[in-house]
Amino acid sequence: MSPRVFLVDDHAMVRAGVRAELGDAVDVVGEAFDVPTAVEGIRATRPDVVLLDVHLPGGDGRAVLETLRGELPDVRWLALSVSDAAEDVIAVIRAGARGYVTKTISGPDLLDAVRRVADGDVVFSPRLAGFVLDAFSAGPGAAPAPAEEVTDPGLDLLSAREREVMQLLARGYTYREIGSRLFISVKTVESHASNVLRKLQLSNRNELTRWAATNRLL
């Protein structure tokens, strides 16, 4: 039986895109664009999974979740957001979401995430899982651990723009995605990436990711 899914996002184009990506593999039972319409629609349809944007007009996704979680305990919540900020991830997970994926996710991976959440699993985009592990290992209510001071002298060699590119590369973004986020061309991203690897004396992106994780820069 296909999971019954409710979409909450303030952009109609995003909702249409998600519908198209999920196709006939799920039953989309409703949509909402803000907190009040989401609360009303989810109450009326009682879906298996709510795909929930974090930032909404009139509040945020957490407000929807906190309003309905006790009332509808069988509904499972999966955050789908453009944000990969630690505070957004941790806040919505603490509120009761079963997972958090970013909008860079592919259609097949999103469908897999919806099915897994419907089955009771917990799902995170790979680069977000560390935020949750760090926060919850510190105990309920704990704030994310502050970043430790970076001692690698290579960081001082990077310009401000190169640092931005370095962090996005280490988090797994493609050159095209980085260019879109920073409003620069793919060719410029490639140039910055080459400079980053050269200045840090690293050979590839995998080494960069390990270096960034060691220095708490992810």
N, C-alpha and C. Protein backbone atom coordinates (compact mmCIF):
# COMPACT_ATOMS: atom_id res chain seq x y z
N MET A 1 0.85 -1.20 0.00
CA MET A 1 0.00 0.00 0.00
C MET A 1 0.88 1.24 0.00
N SER A 2 0.58 2.21 -0.85
CA SER A 2 1.40 3.42 -0.98
C SER A 2 1.25 4.31 0.25
N PRO A 3 2.35 4.90 0.74
CA PRO A 3 2.24 5.83 1.86
C PRO A 3 1.37 7.02 1.49
N ARG A 4 0.57 7.47 2.43
CA ARG A 4 -0.25 8.67 2.24
C ARG A 4 0.58 9.86 2.74
N VAL A 5 0.82 10.82 1.87
CA VAL A 5 1.77 11.90 2.15
C VAL A 5 1.08 13.26 2.06
N PHE A 6 1.42 14.13 3.00
CA PHE A 6 0.94 15.51 2.99
C PHE A 6 2.15 16.42 2.81
N LEU A 7 2.07 17.38 1.88
CA LEU A 7 3.19 18.27 1.56
C LEU A 7 2.99 19.64 2.19
N VAL A 8 4.02 20.11 2.91
CA VAL A 8 3.97 21.45 3.50
C VAL A 8 5.18 22.23 3.01
N ASP A 9 4.93 23.23 2.15
CA ASP A 9 5.99 24.09 1.65
C ASP A 9 5.34 25.36 1.13
N ASP A 10 5.99 26.50 1.35
CA ASP A 10 5.36 27.76 0.96
C ASP A 10 5.53 28.09 -0.52
N HIS A 11 6.25 27.26 -1.26
CA HIS A 11 6.45 27.50 -2.69
C HIS A 11 5.67 26.45 -3.50
N ALA A 12 4.72 26.93 -4.31
CA ALA A 12 3.91 26.03 -5.11
C ALA A 12 4.76 25.23 -6.08
N MET A 13 5.80 25.84 -6.63
CA MET A 13 6.65 25.13 -7.58
C MET A 13 7.38 23.98 -6.91
N VAL A 14 7.80 24.17 -5.64
CA VAL A 14 8.47 23.09 -4.91
C VAL A 14 7.49 21.95 -4.69
N ARG A 15 6.27 22.27 -4.27
CA ARG A 15 5.28 21.23 -4.04
C ARG A 15 4.99 20.46 -5.33
N ALA A 16 4.88 21.18 -6.43
CA ALA A 16 4.63 20.52 -7.71
C ALA A 16 5.81 19.63 -8.09
N GLY A 17 7.03 20.11 -7.84
CA GLY A 17 8.21 19.30 -8.14
C GLY A 17 8.28 18.04 -7.30
N VAL A 18 7.94 18.16 -6.03
CA VAL A 18 7.95 16.98 -5.15
C VAL A 18 6.90 15.98 -5.61
N ARG A 19 5.72 16.47 -5.94
CA ARG A 19 4.67 15.58 -6.47
C ARG A 19 5.18 14.82 -7.69
N ALA A 20 5.82 15.55 -8.60
CA ALA A 20 6.31 14.92 -9.83
C ALA A 20 7.38 13.88 -9.53
N GLU A 21 8.28 14.19 -8.60
CA GLU A 21 9.36 13.27 -8.27
C GLU A 21 8.83 12.01 -7.59
N LEU A 22 7.85 12.16 -6.72
CA LEU A 22 7.31 11.00 -6.00
C LEU A 22 6.39 10.17 -6.89
N GLY A 23 5.73 10.84 -7.83
CA GLY A 23 4.90 10.14 -8.80
C GLY A 23 3.79 9.31 -8.17
N ASP A 24 3.52 8.16 -8.78
CA ASP A 24 2.43 7.30 -8.32
C ASP A 24 2.86 6.38 -7.18
N ALA A 25 4.10 6.52 -6.73
CA ALA A 25 4.59 5.63 -5.67
C ALA A 25 4.02 6.00 -4.30
N VAL A 26 3.48 7.22 -4.20
CA VAL A 26 2.82 7.64 -2.96
C VAL A 26 1.46 8.23 -3.31
N ASP A 27 0.63 8.39 -2.30
CA ASP A 27 -0.68 9.02 -2.46
C ASP A 27 -0.62 10.37 -1.75
N VAL A 28 -0.46 11.45 -2.52
CA VAL A 28 -0.41 12.79 -1.93
C VAL A 28 -1.84 13.21 -1.60
N VAL A 29 -2.13 13.30 -0.30
CA VAL A 29 -3.50 13.53 0.16
C VAL A 29 -3.80 15.00 0.43
N GLY A 30 -2.77 15.85 0.37
CA GLY A 30 -3.03 17.27 0.61
C GLY A 30 -1.76 18.08 0.58
N GLU A 31 -1.94 19.41 0.52
CA GLU A 31 -0.83 20.35 0.50
C GLU A 31 -1.17 21.55 1.37
N ALA A 32 -0.14 22.23 1.86
CA ALA A 32 -0.33 23.46 2.61
C ALA A 32 0.87 24.36 2.40
N PHE A 33 0.65 25.69 2.58
CA PHE A 33 1.71 26.65 2.32
C PHE A 33 2.12 27.44 3.55
N ASP A 34 1.37 27.29 4.66
CA ASP A 34 1.74 28.00 5.89
C ASP A 34 1.28 27.18 7.09
N VAL A 35 1.54 27.70 8.29
CA VAL A 35 1.26 26.94 9.51
C VAL A 35 -0.24 26.65 9.68
N PRO A 36 -1.13 27.66 9.62
CA PRO A 36 -2.56 27.36 9.84
C PRO A 36 -3.15 26.37 8.85
N THR A 37 -2.83 26.53 7.54
CA THR A 37 -3.39 25.61 6.56
C THR A 37 -2.79 24.21 6.70
N ALA A 38 -1.55 24.13 7.16
CA ALA A 38 -0.94 22.83 7.39
C ALA A 38 -1.62 22.10 8.55
N VAL A 39 -1.83 22.81 9.64
CA VAL A 39 -2.48 22.19 10.81
C VAL A 39 -3.88 21.70 10.43
N GLU A 40 -4.63 22.55 9.74
CA GLU A 40 -5.99 22.17 9.34
C GLU A 40 -5.99 20.99 8.38
N GLY A 41 -5.10 21.02 7.39
CA GLY A 41 -5.08 19.97 6.38
C GLY A 41 -4.62 18.63 6.93
N ILE A 42 -3.63 18.65 7.78
CA ILE A 42 -3.12 17.40 8.36
C ILE A 42 -4.15 16.79 9.29
N ARG A 43 -4.84 17.62 10.05
CA ARG A 43 -5.92 17.11 10.91
C ARG A 43 -6.99 16.43 10.07
N ALA A 44 -7.32 17.02 8.93
CA ALA A 44 -8.40 16.49 8.11
C ALA A 44 -8.03 15.20 7.39
N THR A 45 -6.77 15.08 6.99
CA THR A 45 -6.37 13.94 6.15
C THR A 45 -5.65 12.83 6.91
N ARG A 46 -5.04 13.14 8.05
CA ARG A 46 -4.30 12.16 8.87
C ARG A 46 -3.38 11.28 8.01
N PRO A 47 -2.38 11.87 7.39
CA PRO A 47 -1.49 11.12 6.48
C PRO A 47 -0.55 10.20 7.24
N ASP A 48 0.12 9.35 6.50
CA ASP A 48 1.17 8.52 7.10
C ASP A 48 2.43 9.34 7.34
N VAL A 49 2.78 10.20 6.37
CA VAL A 49 4.00 11.00 6.45
C VAL A 49 3.69 12.43 6.04
N VAL A 50 4.21 13.37 6.82
CA VAL A 50 4.17 14.78 6.44
C VAL A 50 5.57 15.18 6.00
N LEU A 51 5.68 15.67 4.75
CA LEU A 51 6.93 16.27 4.26
C LEU A 51 6.86 17.75 4.60
N LEU A 52 7.72 18.17 5.51
CA LEU A 52 7.55 19.46 6.19
C LEU A 52 8.73 20.38 5.95
N ASP A 53 8.45 21.56 5.36
CA ASP A 53 9.49 22.57 5.25
C ASP A 53 9.74 23.19 6.62
N VAL A 54 10.97 23.63 6.86
CA VAL A 54 11.34 24.16 8.18
C VAL A 54 10.87 25.59 8.35
N HIS A 55 10.98 26.41 7.32
CA HIS A 55 10.63 27.83 7.41
C HIS A 55 9.36 28.10 6.62
N LEU A 56 8.33 28.59 7.32
CA LEU A 56 7.03 28.82 6.70
C LEU A 56 6.49 30.20 7.09
N PRO A 57 5.61 30.77 6.27
CA PRO A 57 4.93 32.00 6.68
C PRO A 57 4.08 31.76 7.93
N GLY A 58 4.08 32.71 8.83
CA GLY A 58 3.28 32.58 10.04
C GLY A 58 3.85 31.64 11.07
N GLY A 59 5.13 31.33 10.98
CA GLY A 59 5.76 30.43 11.95
C GLY A 59 6.77 29.53 11.26
N ASP A 60 7.02 28.38 11.86
CA ASP A 60 7.96 27.46 11.23
C ASP A 60 7.40 26.04 11.29
N GLY A 61 8.10 25.14 10.64
CA GLY A 61 7.63 23.77 10.60
C GLY A 61 7.51 23.14 11.97
N ARG A 62 8.38 23.54 12.86
CA ARG A 62 8.32 22.99 14.22
C ARG A 62 6.99 23.31 14.88
N ALA A 63 6.41 24.49 14.60
CA ALA A 63 5.13 24.86 15.19
C ALA A 63 4.02 23.91 14.75
N VAL A 64 4.05 23.51 13.49
CA VAL A 64 3.07 22.55 12.98
C VAL A 64 3.23 21.22 13.72
N LEU A 65 4.45 20.77 13.81
CA LEU A 65 4.73 19.49 14.43
C LEU A 65 4.32 19.49 15.90
N GLU A 66 4.71 20.54 16.61
CA GLU A 66 4.41 20.59 18.05
C GLU A 66 2.92 20.71 18.32
N THR A 67 2.18 21.35 17.40
CA THR A 67 0.74 21.47 17.57
C THR A 67 0.04 20.12 17.43
N LEU A 68 0.53 19.29 16.52
CA LEU A 68 -0.20 18.07 16.16
C LEU A 68 0.41 16.77 16.67
N ARG A 69 1.64 16.80 17.16
CA ARG A 69 2.31 15.54 17.49
C ARG A 69 1.54 14.74 18.53
N GLY A 70 1.07 15.38 19.59
CA GLY A 70 0.33 14.66 20.62
C GLY A 70 -1.05 14.24 20.17
N GLU A 71 -1.66 15.06 19.32
CA GLU A 71 -3.00 14.78 18.82
C GLU A 71 -3.02 13.66 17.79
N LEU A 72 -1.95 13.58 16.98
CA LEU A 72 -1.89 12.59 15.89
C LEU A 72 -0.60 11.78 16.02
N PRO A 73 -0.54 10.89 17.00
CA PRO A 73 0.72 10.18 17.27
C PRO A 73 1.15 9.22 16.17
N ASP A 74 0.22 8.82 15.29
CA ASP A 74 0.58 7.88 14.23
C ASP A 74 1.17 8.56 12.99
N VAL A 75 1.06 9.87 12.93
CA VAL A 75 1.63 10.60 11.79
C VAL A 75 3.14 10.72 11.99
N ARG A 76 3.89 10.44 10.93
CA ARG A 76 5.35 10.59 11.00
C ARG A 76 5.77 11.80 10.18
N TRP A 77 6.85 12.43 10.62
CA TRP A 77 7.25 13.73 10.08
C TRP A 77 8.66 13.64 9.50
N LEU A 78 8.79 14.13 8.26
CA LEU A 78 10.09 14.17 7.59
C LEU A 78 10.33 15.60 7.11
N ALA A 79 11.34 16.27 7.67
CA ALA A 79 11.67 17.63 7.25
C ALA A 79 12.35 17.59 5.89
N LEU A 80 11.91 18.49 5.01
CA LEU A 80 12.51 18.65 3.68
C LEU A 80 12.77 20.14 3.51
N SER A 81 14.03 20.54 3.59
CA SER A 81 14.34 21.96 3.67
C SER A 81 15.56 22.31 2.84
N VAL A 82 15.64 23.58 2.44
CA VAL A 82 16.85 24.08 1.80
C VAL A 82 17.95 24.31 2.84
N SER A 83 17.55 24.45 4.11
CA SER A 83 18.51 24.75 5.17
C SER A 83 19.24 23.50 5.63
N ASP A 84 20.57 23.63 5.79
CA ASP A 84 21.33 22.56 6.43
C ASP A 84 22.02 23.09 7.68
N ALA A 85 21.43 24.15 8.28
CA ALA A 85 21.99 24.73 9.51
C ALA A 85 21.73 23.81 10.69
N ALA A 86 22.72 23.65 11.54
CA ALA A 86 22.62 22.74 12.68
C ALA A 86 21.42 23.07 13.56
N GLU A 87 21.18 24.38 13.79
CA GLU A 87 20.09 24.75 14.69
C GLU A 87 18.73 24.36 14.13
N ASP A 88 18.56 24.42 12.80
CA ASP A 88 17.29 24.01 12.20
C ASP A 88 17.11 22.50 12.30
N VAL A 89 18.17 21.76 12.00
CA VAL A 89 18.09 20.30 12.07
C VAL A 89 17.74 19.85 13.47
N ILE A 90 18.46 20.35 14.46
CA ILE A 90 18.28 19.90 15.84
C ILE A 90 16.91 20.30 16.38
N ALA A 91 16.45 21.52 16.05
CA ALA A 91 15.17 21.98 16.57
C ALA A 91 14.02 21.10 16.10
N VAL A 92 14.00 20.76 14.81
CA VAL A 92 12.88 19.98 14.30
C VAL A 92 12.95 18.52 14.75
N ILE A 93 14.17 18.01 14.94
CA ILE A 93 14.29 16.64 15.45
C ILE A 93 13.87 16.57 16.91
N ARG A 94 14.26 17.56 17.69
CA ARG A 94 13.82 17.60 19.09
C ARG A 94 12.31 17.70 19.19
N ALA A 95 11.67 18.35 18.21
CA ALA A 95 10.22 18.49 18.22
C ALA A 95 9.51 17.19 17.87
N GLY A 96 10.25 16.23 17.27
CA GLY A 96 9.65 14.93 17.01
C GLY A 96 9.72 14.42 15.58
N ALA A 97 10.40 15.15 14.69
CA ALA A 97 10.53 14.65 13.31
C ALA A 97 11.35 13.38 13.28
N ARG A 98 11.04 12.51 12.32
CA ARG A 98 11.75 11.23 12.20
C ARG A 98 12.92 11.31 11.23
N GLY A 99 13.09 12.49 10.61
CA GLY A 99 14.19 12.61 9.68
C GLY A 99 14.29 14.02 9.15
N TYR A 100 15.39 14.28 8.45
CA TYR A 100 15.64 15.62 7.90
C TYR A 100 16.51 15.43 6.66
N VAL A 101 15.98 15.87 5.51
CA VAL A 101 16.74 15.82 4.26
C VAL A 101 16.69 17.19 3.61
N THR A 102 17.71 17.51 2.84
CA THR A 102 17.75 18.80 2.17
C THR A 102 17.18 18.69 0.76
N LYS A 103 16.87 19.84 0.18
CA LYS A 103 16.23 19.86 -1.12
C LYS A 103 17.19 19.56 -2.27
N THR A 104 18.43 19.28 -1.95
CA THR A 104 19.36 18.79 -2.96
C THR A 104 19.19 17.29 -3.19
N ILE A 105 18.33 16.64 -2.42
CA ILE A 105 18.14 15.20 -2.52
C ILE A 105 17.54 14.85 -3.88
N SER A 106 17.91 13.69 -4.40
CA SER A 106 17.35 13.24 -5.67
C SER A 106 15.94 12.69 -5.46
N GLY A 107 15.18 12.60 -6.56
CA GLY A 107 13.83 12.05 -6.47
C GLY A 107 13.79 10.64 -5.91
N PRO A 108 14.60 9.72 -6.45
CA PRO A 108 14.59 8.35 -5.90
C PRO A 108 14.97 8.29 -4.43
N ASP A 109 15.95 9.11 -4.02
CA ASP A 109 16.35 9.11 -2.61
C ASP A 109 15.25 9.68 -1.72
N LEU A 110 14.52 10.69 -2.22
CA LEU A 110 13.41 11.24 -1.45
C LEU A 110 12.31 10.21 -1.28
N LEU A 111 12.00 9.50 -2.34
CA LEU A 111 10.98 8.45 -2.24
C LEU A 111 11.42 7.39 -1.24
N ASP A 112 12.68 7.00 -1.29
CA ASP A 112 13.19 6.02 -0.33
C ASP A 112 13.07 6.55 1.09
N ALA A 113 13.37 7.85 1.29
CA ALA A 113 13.28 8.44 2.63
C ALA A 113 11.85 8.42 3.13
N VAL A 114 10.90 8.76 2.27
CA VAL A 114 9.48 8.76 2.66
C VAL A 114 9.05 7.35 3.06
N ARG A 115 9.42 6.36 2.26
CA ARG A 115 9.03 4.99 2.57
C ARG A 115 9.64 4.52 3.88
N ARG A 116 10.90 4.87 4.11
CA ARG A 116 11.57 4.44 5.34
C ARG A 116 10.95 5.09 6.56
N VAL A 117 10.64 6.38 6.46
CA VAL A 117 9.99 7.07 7.58
C VAL A 117 8.60 6.48 7.83
N ALA A 118 7.87 6.19 6.76
CA ALA A 118 6.55 5.57 6.92
C ALA A 118 6.64 4.23 7.63
N ASP A 119 7.75 3.52 7.42
CA ASP A 119 7.96 2.22 8.06
C ASP A 119 8.55 2.34 9.47
N GLY A 120 8.80 3.57 9.92
CA GLY A 120 9.29 3.77 11.27
C GLY A 120 10.78 4.01 11.40
N ASP A 121 11.49 4.07 10.28
CA ASP A 121 12.93 4.33 10.34
C ASP A 121 13.20 5.81 10.55
N VAL A 122 14.45 6.11 10.86
CA VAL A 122 14.93 7.49 10.98
C VAL A 122 15.87 7.75 9.81
N VAL A 123 15.70 8.90 9.14
CA VAL A 123 16.44 9.18 7.91
C VAL A 123 17.05 10.59 7.98
N PHE A 124 18.34 10.68 7.64
CA PHE A 124 19.00 11.99 7.56
C PHE A 124 19.85 12.04 6.30
N SER A 125 19.97 13.24 5.71
CA SER A 125 21.00 13.43 4.71
C SER A 125 22.34 13.20 5.39
N PRO A 126 23.30 12.55 4.71
CA PRO A 126 24.55 12.15 5.38
C PRO A 126 25.26 13.27 6.10
N ARG A 127 25.33 14.46 5.52
CA ARG A 127 26.10 15.52 6.16
C ARG A 127 25.38 16.15 7.35
N LEU A 128 24.11 15.77 7.59
CA LEU A 128 23.35 16.31 8.71
C LEU A 128 23.36 15.40 9.93
N ALA A 129 23.67 14.13 9.73
CA ALA A 129 23.59 13.18 10.84
C ALA A 129 24.51 13.56 11.99
N GLY A 130 25.67 14.12 11.67
CA GLY A 130 26.62 14.49 12.72
C GLY A 130 26.07 15.53 13.67
N PHE A 131 25.26 16.48 13.15
CA PHE A 131 24.66 17.49 14.01
C PHE A 131 23.80 16.83 15.08
N VAL A 132 23.00 15.86 14.64
CA VAL A 132 22.07 15.21 15.56
C VAL A 132 22.82 14.36 16.58
N LEU A 133 23.82 13.62 16.11
CA LEU A 133 24.61 12.79 17.02
C LEU A 133 25.30 13.65 18.07
N ASP A 134 25.89 14.77 17.66
CA ASP A 134 26.57 15.65 18.60
C ASP A 134 25.61 16.21 19.63
N ALA A 135 24.43 16.65 19.17
CA ALA A 135 23.48 17.29 20.08
C ALA A 135 22.91 16.30 21.09
N PHE A 136 22.53 15.11 20.62
CA PHE A 136 21.86 14.18 21.51
C PHE A 136 22.84 13.39 22.38
N SER A 137 24.08 13.29 21.97
CA SER A 137 25.07 12.64 22.83
C SER A 137 25.36 13.50 24.05
N ALA A 138 25.06 14.81 23.94
CA ALA A 138 25.28 15.72 25.07
C ALA A 138 24.12 15.70 26.04
N GLY A 139 23.01 14.99 25.68
CA GLY A 139 21.89 14.88 26.60
C GLY A 139 20.72 15.74 26.16
N PRO A 140 19.49 15.43 26.65
CA PRO A 140 18.31 16.19 26.28
C PRO A 140 18.45 17.66 26.64
N GLY A 141 18.04 18.50 25.69
CA GLY A 141 18.06 19.93 25.96
C GLY A 141 19.40 20.59 25.77
N ALA A 142 20.42 19.80 25.50
CA ALA A 142 21.75 20.39 25.36
C ALA A 142 21.86 21.11 24.04
N ALA A 143 22.62 22.17 24.04
CA ALA A 143 22.88 22.91 22.81
C ALA A 143 23.96 22.22 22.03
N PRO A 144 24.05 22.46 20.73
CA PRO A 144 25.13 21.88 19.96
C PRO A 144 26.48 22.31 20.52
N ALA A 145 27.43 21.40 20.48
CA ALA A 145 28.75 21.73 21.00
C ALA A 145 29.37 22.84 20.17
N PRO A 146 29.97 23.85 20.83
CA PRO A 146 30.61 24.91 20.05
C PRO A 146 31.80 24.39 19.29
N ALA A 147 32.04 25.00 18.17
CA ALA A 147 33.18 24.57 17.37
C ALA A 147 34.48 24.88 18.08
N GLU A 148 35.37 23.92 18.06
CA GLU A 148 36.66 24.14 18.68
C GLU A 148 37.51 25.03 17.78
N GLU A 149 38.45 25.72 18.38
CA GLU A 149 39.31 26.58 17.60
C GLU A 149 40.14 25.75 16.62
N VAL A 150 40.17 26.21 15.38
CA VAL A 150 40.91 25.50 14.35
C VAL A 150 42.38 25.87 14.45
N THR A 151 43.23 24.86 14.52
CA THR A 151 44.65 25.10 14.68
C THR A 151 45.43 24.90 13.39
N ASP A 152 44.82 24.28 12.38
CA ASP A 152 45.53 24.05 11.14
C ASP A 152 45.87 25.39 10.49
N PRO A 153 47.12 25.69 10.29
CA PRO A 153 47.51 26.99 9.72
C PRO A 153 47.05 27.18 8.29
N GLY A 154 46.71 26.09 7.61
CA GLY A 154 46.26 26.19 6.24
C GLY A 154 45.00 27.04 6.09
N LEU A 155 44.15 27.05 7.12
CA LEU A 155 42.91 27.81 7.04
C LEU A 155 43.19 29.30 6.87
N ASP A 156 44.24 29.79 7.47
CA ASP A 156 44.58 31.21 7.37
C ASP A 156 44.98 31.62 5.96
N LEU A 157 45.32 30.64 5.13
CA LEU A 157 45.72 30.94 3.76
C LEU A 157 44.53 31.14 2.84
N LEU A 158 43.34 30.75 3.29
CA LEU A 158 42.16 30.82 2.45
C LEU A 158 41.49 32.19 2.55
N SER A 159 41.03 32.68 1.41
CA SER A 159 40.24 33.91 1.42
C SER A 159 38.85 33.59 1.96
N ALA A 160 38.06 34.63 2.22
CA ALA A 160 36.71 34.43 2.74
C ALA A 160 35.87 33.61 1.76
N ARG A 161 35.98 33.89 0.46
CA ARG A 161 35.23 33.15 -0.53
C ARG A 161 35.70 31.70 -0.62
N GLU A 162 37.02 31.50 -0.53
CA GLU A 162 37.55 30.14 -0.56
C GLU A 162 37.08 29.34 0.63
N ARG A 163 36.91 29.99 1.77
CA ARG A 163 36.38 29.27 2.95
C ARG A 163 34.94 28.84 2.71
N GLU A 164 34.15 29.71 2.08
CA GLU A 164 32.76 29.35 1.77
C GLU A 164 32.73 28.16 0.83
N VAL A 165 33.53 28.21 -0.21
CA VAL A 165 33.57 27.10 -1.16
C VAL A 165 34.06 25.83 -0.48
N MET A 166 35.08 25.95 0.37
CA MET A 166 35.64 24.80 1.07
C MET A 166 34.57 24.09 1.90
N GLN A 167 33.78 24.86 2.65
CA GLN A 167 32.77 24.24 3.51
C GLN A 167 31.69 23.55 2.69
N LEU A 168 31.26 24.17 1.60
CA LEU A 168 30.23 23.55 0.76
C LEU A 168 30.76 22.30 0.05
N LEU A 169 32.00 22.35 -0.40
CA LEU A 169 32.62 21.17 -0.99
C LEU A 169 32.68 20.03 0.02
N ALA A 170 33.11 20.34 1.24
CA ALA A 170 33.25 19.32 2.27
C ALA A 170 31.91 18.73 2.66
N ARG A 171 30.85 19.49 2.52
CA ARG A 171 29.51 19.01 2.86
C ARG A 171 28.88 18.20 1.73
N GLY A 172 29.55 18.14 0.58
CA GLY A 172 29.06 17.27 -0.49
C GLY A 172 28.33 17.95 -1.62
N TYR A 173 28.30 19.28 -1.64
CA TYR A 173 27.62 19.98 -2.73
C TYR A 173 28.41 19.85 -4.03
N THR A 174 27.71 19.82 -5.14
CA THR A 174 28.36 19.80 -6.45
C THR A 174 28.81 21.22 -6.79
N TYR A 175 29.69 21.32 -7.81
CA TYR A 175 30.13 22.65 -8.26
C TYR A 175 28.94 23.50 -8.68
N ARG A 176 28.00 22.92 -9.38
CA ARG A 176 26.83 23.67 -9.86
C ARG A 176 26.00 24.17 -8.67
N GLU A 177 25.80 23.31 -7.66
CA GLU A 177 25.03 23.72 -6.48
C GLU A 177 25.74 24.83 -5.73
N ILE A 178 27.07 24.74 -5.63
CA ILE A 178 27.85 25.78 -4.94
C ILE A 178 27.73 27.10 -5.70
N GLY A 179 27.86 27.03 -7.01
CA GLY A 179 27.72 28.24 -7.81
C GLY A 179 26.37 28.90 -7.62
N SER A 180 25.31 28.09 -7.57
CA SER A 180 23.96 28.62 -7.38
C SER A 180 23.81 29.29 -6.02
N ARG A 181 24.35 28.65 -4.99
CA ARG A 181 24.23 29.20 -3.63
C ARG A 181 25.03 30.48 -3.47
N LEU A 182 26.20 30.55 -4.10
CA LEU A 182 27.09 31.70 -3.91
C LEU A 182 26.98 32.72 -5.04
N PHE A 183 26.12 32.43 -6.03
CA PHE A 183 25.91 33.33 -7.17
C PHE A 183 27.21 33.60 -7.93
N ILE A 184 27.93 32.52 -8.20
CA ILE A 184 29.14 32.59 -9.00
C ILE A 184 29.08 31.48 -10.04
N SER A 185 29.91 31.58 -11.06
CA SER A 185 29.88 30.59 -12.14
C SER A 185 30.54 29.29 -11.71
N VAL A 186 30.20 28.22 -12.42
CA VAL A 186 30.82 26.92 -12.14
C VAL A 186 32.33 27.00 -12.34
N LYS A 187 32.74 27.72 -13.37
CA LYS A 187 34.18 27.87 -13.63
C LYS A 187 34.88 28.55 -12.46
N THR A 188 34.23 29.55 -11.87
CA THR A 188 34.81 30.23 -10.71
C THR A 188 34.88 29.29 -9.52
N VAL A 189 33.85 28.47 -9.34
CA VAL A 189 33.86 27.47 -8.26
C VAL A 189 35.04 26.52 -8.44
N GLU A 190 35.23 26.05 -9.67
CA GLU A 190 36.33 25.13 -9.94
C GLU A 190 37.68 25.77 -9.60
N SER A 191 37.82 27.05 -9.92
CA SER A 191 39.06 27.76 -9.62
C SER A 191 39.29 27.86 -8.11
N HIS A 192 38.23 28.22 -7.38
CA HIS A 192 38.35 28.31 -5.92
C HIS A 192 38.66 26.94 -5.32
N ALA A 193 37.99 25.90 -5.83
CA ALA A 193 38.21 24.55 -5.30
C ALA A 193 39.66 24.13 -5.49
N SER A 194 40.21 24.41 -6.66
CA SER A 194 41.61 24.09 -6.93
C SER A 194 42.54 24.82 -5.97
N ASN A 195 42.24 26.10 -5.72
CA ASN A 195 43.06 26.88 -4.79
C ASN A 195 42.97 26.33 -3.37
N VAL A 196 41.77 25.93 -2.97
CA VAL A 196 41.57 25.37 -1.62
C VAL A 196 42.42 24.12 -1.43
N LEU A 197 42.33 23.19 -2.37
CA LEU A 197 43.08 21.95 -2.25
C LEU A 197 44.59 22.22 -2.25
N ARG A 198 45.01 23.14 -3.09
CA ARG A 198 46.45 23.46 -3.16
C ARG A 198 46.94 24.08 -1.86
N LYS A 199 46.20 25.04 -1.33
CA LYS A 199 46.63 25.74 -0.12
C LYS A 199 46.60 24.83 1.11
N LEU A 200 45.65 23.91 1.13
CA LEU A 200 45.55 22.99 2.27
C LEU A 200 46.39 21.73 2.07
N GLN A 201 47.02 21.62 0.91
CA GLN A 201 47.88 20.48 0.58
C GLN A 201 47.10 19.18 0.65
N LEU A 202 45.90 19.20 0.03
CA LEU A 202 45.04 18.03 -0.03
C LEU A 202 44.89 17.60 -1.48
N SER A 203 44.57 16.33 -1.68
CA SER A 203 44.53 15.78 -3.04
C SER A 203 43.15 15.73 -3.66
N ASN A 204 42.11 15.58 -2.83
CA ASN A 204 40.77 15.40 -3.39
C ASN A 204 39.72 15.79 -2.36
N ARG A 205 38.45 15.67 -2.78
CA ARG A 205 37.35 16.08 -1.91
C ARG A 205 37.23 15.21 -0.67
N ASN A 206 37.49 13.92 -0.78
CA ASN A 206 37.41 13.05 0.39
C ASN A 206 38.38 13.49 1.48
N GLU A 207 39.60 13.83 1.08
CA GLU A 207 40.57 14.34 2.04
C GLU A 207 40.10 15.67 2.64
N LEU A 208 39.48 16.51 1.81
CA LEU A 208 38.97 17.79 2.29
C LEU A 208 37.87 17.58 3.33
N THR A 209 36.97 16.63 3.07
CA THR A 209 35.89 16.36 4.02
C THR A 209 36.45 15.89 5.36
N ARG A 210 37.44 15.00 5.32
CA ARG A 210 38.05 14.53 6.57
C ARG A 210 38.75 15.68 7.29
N TRP A 211 39.44 16.54 6.52
CA TRP A 211 40.13 17.68 7.12
C TRP A 211 39.13 18.62 7.78
N ALA A 212 38.02 18.90 7.09
CA ALA A 212 37.00 19.81 7.64
C ALA A 212 36.35 19.23 8.89
N ALA A 213 36.10 17.91 8.87
CA ALA A 213 35.49 17.27 10.04
C ALA A 213 36.43 17.32 11.23
N THR A 214 37.72 17.06 11.00
CA THR A 214 38.70 17.11 12.08
C THR A 214 38.76 18.50 12.70
N ASN A 215 38.62 19.51 11.88
CA ASN A 215 38.69 20.90 12.35
C ASN A 215 37.34 21.50 12.67
N ARG A 216 36.31 20.63 12.71
CA ARG A 216 34.94 21.03 13.09
C ARG A 216 34.43 22.20 12.24
N LEU A 217 34.56 22.02 10.94
CA LEU A 217 34.13 23.05 10.00
C LEU A 217 32.95 22.62 9.14
N LEU A 218 32.42 21.43 9.36
CA LEU A 218 31.27 20.96 8.57
C LEU A 218 29.98 21.59 9.06
